[in-house]
């Protein structure tokens, strides 16, 4: 796998960050903005509604719109920074991401808790690369997280197509002392991410 020069990798990272900001901005404007407008309109209707049954129906609609808005905000928050990564660990963060983004049964999981938490930068790199790979899996794919004395490995098998920005993700793994490799088999592509536990040699930029 040829690696583009550092300037090209930085540009890839910048574009990825901007794409994510644009996605969050659209979600806030299109969904959250519309939901808050609907809630406000429903509140005005309740104020002027004399019929008890209609007023109760308006209140139910306000509650439904509020619940949907809270769920969307939680989803956006999880996509920007998974709370489980800090509170519980890498295995829990990956499991939550799978539940959030994939249909049940899509992926066979073997996510063992790590014996001790990796450096925060390294855990974040592992999660972001895993997140990118999960967007490419096909039904029947497999994911595994395993550890040894020197570090840990995240493997995802049966990925439908090549990983976008693969050179950037590989360079990001290398900045924290790890490596990202690809094997092509009869049933699809397998990616293996190998990372150490210890302190990162440099603080990588969160690519999301």
Protein backbone atom coordinates (compact mmCIF):
# COMPACT_ATOMS: atom_id res chain seq x y z
CA UNK A 1 0.00 0.00 0.00
CA UNK A 2 1.62 3.22 -1.14
CA UNK A 3 1.42 6.11 1.29
CA UNK A 4 0.71 9.63 0.01
CA UNK A 5 2.98 12.45 1.24
CA UNK A 6 2.14 14.01 4.64
CA UNK A 7 0.51 17.08 3.06
CA UNK A 8 -1.93 14.88 1.12
CA UNK A 9 -2.76 12.90 4.28
CA UNK A 10 -3.44 16.10 6.19
CA UNK A 11 -5.74 17.24 3.39
CA UNK A 12 -7.60 13.91 3.56
CA UNK A 13 -8.02 14.33 7.30
CA UNK A 14 -9.22 17.91 6.89
CA UNK A 15 -11.79 16.86 4.28
CA UNK A 16 -13.00 14.02 6.50
CA UNK A 17 -13.48 16.41 9.40
CA UNK A 18 -15.35 18.88 7.19
CA UNK A 19 -17.61 16.15 5.83
CA UNK A 20 -18.50 15.13 9.37
CA UNK A 21 -19.17 18.74 10.40
CA UNK A 22 -21.41 19.17 7.34
CA UNK A 23 -23.33 15.98 8.21
CA UNK A 24 -23.92 17.12 11.79
CA UNK A 25 -24.88 20.61 10.59
CA UNK A 26 -27.47 19.20 8.17
CA UNK A 27 -28.92 16.94 10.85
CA UNK A 28 -29.20 19.83 13.32
CA UNK A 29 -30.79 22.15 10.75
CA UNK A 30 -33.09 19.70 8.97
CA UNK A 31 -34.21 17.41 11.77
CA UNK A 32 -33.66 19.16 15.09
CA UNK A 33 -34.75 22.55 13.72
CA UNK A 34 -37.94 21.11 12.22
CA UNK A 35 -38.70 19.14 15.39
CA UNK A 36 -38.32 22.19 17.61
CA UNK A 37 -40.57 24.20 15.29
CA UNK A 38 -43.20 21.45 15.47
CA UNK A 39 -42.95 21.36 19.27
CA UNK A 40 -43.36 25.13 19.45
CA UNK A 41 -46.37 25.03 17.13
CA UNK A 42 -47.91 22.21 19.16
CA UNK A 43 -47.46 24.20 22.38
CA UNK A 44 -49.30 27.17 20.83
CA UNK A 45 -52.15 24.85 19.77
CA UNK A 46 -52.41 23.44 23.29
CA UNK A 47 -52.70 26.95 24.72
CA UNK A 48 -55.67 27.77 22.50
CA UNK A 49 -57.36 24.34 22.47
CA UNK A 50 -60.57 24.09 24.53
CA UNK A 51 -61.42 20.48 23.66
CA UNK A 52 -59.80 18.17 26.23
CA UNK A 53 -59.40 15.27 23.80
CA UNK A 54 -57.75 17.41 21.14
CA UNK A 55 -55.53 19.02 23.77
CA UNK A 56 -54.40 15.57 24.95
CA UNK A 57 -53.65 14.58 21.35
CA UNK A 58 -51.56 17.73 20.85
CA UNK A 59 -49.62 16.97 24.04
CA UNK A 60 -48.94 13.40 22.87
CA UNK A 61 -47.56 14.80 19.60
CA UNK A 62 -45.29 17.18 21.54
CA UNK A 63 -43.98 14.28 23.64
CA UNK A 64 -43.38 12.15 20.52
CA UNK A 65 -41.48 14.95 18.76
CA UNK A 66 -39.44 15.60 21.93
CA UNK A 67 -38.49 11.92 22.24
CA UNK A 68 -37.40 11.77 18.60
CA UNK A 69 -35.30 14.92 19.00
CA UNK A 70 -33.58 13.58 22.13
CA UNK A 71 -32.82 10.29 20.31
CA UNK A 72 -31.32 12.18 17.36
CA UNK A 73 -29.13 14.30 19.62
CA UNK A 74 -27.90 11.18 21.43
CA UNK A 75 -27.06 9.59 18.08
CA UNK A 76 -25.15 12.69 16.95
CA UNK A 77 -23.27 12.80 20.24
CA UNK A 78 -22.35 9.11 19.96
CA UNK A 79 -21.08 9.59 16.40
CA UNK A 80 -18.90 12.57 17.43
CA UNK A 81 -17.40 10.98 20.52
CA UNK A 82 -18.56 7.64 22.00
CA UNK A 83 -19.13 8.08 25.75
CA UNK A 84 -18.42 4.36 26.33
CA UNK A 85 -14.82 4.85 25.16
CA UNK A 86 -13.98 6.88 28.26
CA UNK A 87 -16.39 5.33 30.75
CA UNK A 88 -16.28 1.60 29.94
CA UNK A 89 -13.69 0.79 27.29
CA UNK A 90 -12.94 0.11 23.65
CA UNK A 91 -14.90 -3.15 23.47
CA UNK A 92 -18.05 -1.47 24.83
CA UNK A 93 -17.66 1.50 22.47
CA UNK A 94 -17.35 -0.80 19.46
CA UNK A 95 -20.32 -2.88 20.60
CA UNK A 96 -22.44 0.27 21.00
CA UNK A 97 -21.38 1.48 17.54
CA UNK A 98 -22.41 -1.86 16.02
CA UNK A 99 -25.81 -1.69 17.73
CA UNK A 100 -26.24 1.91 16.61
CA UNK A 101 -25.35 1.50 12.94
CA UNK A 102 -25.92 -2.13 11.89
CA UNK A 103 -28.96 -4.38 11.65
CA UNK A 104 -29.04 -7.22 14.20
CA UNK A 105 -27.33 -10.33 12.88
CA UNK A 106 -25.15 -8.46 10.37
CA UNK A 107 -21.96 -9.06 12.31
CA UNK A 108 -20.55 -11.91 14.39
CA UNK A 109 -18.80 -10.28 17.35
CA UNK A 110 -15.95 -11.47 19.53
CA UNK A 111 -15.04 -8.36 21.47
CA UNK A 112 -13.09 -9.31 24.57
CA UNK A 113 -12.46 -6.60 27.18
CA UNK A 114 -8.82 -5.55 27.16
CA UNK A 115 -6.85 -6.49 30.30
CA UNK A 116 -6.04 -2.82 30.87
CA UNK A 117 -7.08 0.33 29.03
CA UNK A 118 -4.81 1.66 26.28
CA UNK A 119 -3.69 5.28 26.17
CA UNK A 120 -6.66 7.54 25.39
CA UNK A 121 -5.22 8.59 22.01
CA UNK A 122 -4.63 4.97 21.01
CA UNK A 123 -8.13 3.91 22.06
CA UNK A 124 -9.58 6.75 19.99
CA UNK A 125 -7.52 5.79 16.93
CA UNK A 126 -8.67 2.17 17.29
CA UNK A 127 -12.30 3.22 17.57
CA UNK A 128 -12.20 5.61 14.58
CA UNK A 129 -10.56 3.03 12.32
CA UNK A 130 -13.01 0.38 13.51
CA UNK A 131 -15.87 2.81 12.88
CA UNK A 132 -14.68 3.38 9.31
CA UNK A 133 -14.38 -0.36 8.66
CA UNK A 134 -17.82 -1.10 10.11
CA UNK A 135 -19.34 1.09 7.41
CA UNK A 136 -18.03 -1.40 4.81
CA UNK A 137 -19.05 -4.76 6.27
CA UNK A 138 -21.47 -7.17 4.57
CA UNK A 139 -23.99 -9.52 6.25
CA UNK A 140 -22.13 -12.42 7.80
CA UNK A 141 -19.01 -10.38 8.56
CA UNK A 142 -16.95 -10.91 11.70
CA UNK A 143 -15.21 -8.59 14.15
CA UNK A 144 -12.77 -9.61 16.87
CA UNK A 145 -10.79 -7.76 19.52
CA UNK A 146 -7.97 -9.67 21.20
CA UNK A 147 -5.02 -8.72 23.40
CA UNK A 148 -1.59 -9.99 24.41
CA UNK A 149 1.27 -8.67 26.52
CA UNK A 150 2.47 -6.16 23.93
CA UNK A 151 -0.77 -4.70 22.63
CA UNK A 152 -4.06 -5.59 21.02
CA UNK A 153 -5.49 -6.40 17.62
CA UNK A 154 -8.80 -5.48 16.01
CA UNK A 155 -9.73 -7.65 13.02
CA UNK A 156 -12.75 -7.19 10.76
CA UNK A 157 -13.42 -9.80 8.07
CA UNK A 158 -15.65 -9.77 5.00
CA UNK A 159 -15.57 -6.10 4.13
CA UNK A 160 -17.49 -5.39 0.92
CA UNK A 161 -15.07 -3.01 -0.73
CA UNK A 162 -11.83 -1.18 -0.20
CA UNK A 163 -11.54 1.19 2.74
CA UNK A 164 -11.87 4.84 1.68
CA UNK A 165 -8.89 6.93 2.81
CA UNK A 166 -7.02 3.71 3.65
CA UNK A 167 -3.62 5.42 3.43
CA UNK A 168 -4.74 8.07 5.90
CA UNK A 169 -6.02 5.47 8.39
CA UNK A 170 -2.79 3.48 8.00
CA UNK A 171 -0.69 6.59 8.65
CA UNK A 172 -2.84 7.42 11.68
CA UNK A 173 -2.20 3.93 13.11
CA UNK A 174 1.52 4.39 12.55
CA UNK A 175 1.56 7.70 14.47
CA UNK A 176 0.60 5.80 17.64
CA UNK A 177 3.06 2.97 17.05
CA UNK A 178 0.71 0.53 15.32
CA UNK A 179 -0.08 -0.77 11.86
CA UNK A 180 -3.11 -1.43 9.67
CA UNK A 181 -2.96 -4.29 7.16
CA UNK A 182 -5.25 -5.81 4.57
CA UNK A 183 -5.64 -9.41 3.32
CA UNK A 184 -7.83 -10.36 0.37
CA UNK A 185 -9.49 -13.77 0.65
CA UNK A 186 -12.11 -15.83 -1.17
CA UNK A 187 -14.93 -14.43 0.96
CA UNK A 188 -13.92 -10.77 1.07
CA UNK A 189 -11.35 -8.48 2.57
CA UNK A 190 -9.93 -8.75 6.08
CA UNK A 191 -8.42 -5.73 7.84
CA UNK A 192 -6.18 -6.14 10.87
CA UNK A 193 -5.32 -3.23 13.15
CA UNK A 194 -2.46 -3.80 15.56
CA UNK A 195 -1.81 -1.23 18.30
CA UNK A 196 0.23 -0.99 21.51
CA UNK A 197 -1.21 -0.11 24.91
CA UNK A 198 1.26 2.53 25.92
CA UNK A 199 1.59 6.25 25.56
CA UNK A 200 1.20 7.59 22.05
CA UNK A 201 4.34 9.14 20.57
CA UNK A 202 2.22 11.98 19.21
CA UNK A 203 -1.29 13.18 19.89
CA UNK A 204 -3.36 12.42 16.76
CA UNK A 205 -6.18 14.64 15.67
CA UNK A 206 -9.63 13.12 16.18
CA UNK A 207 -10.72 12.46 12.56
CA UNK A 208 -14.35 13.08 13.40
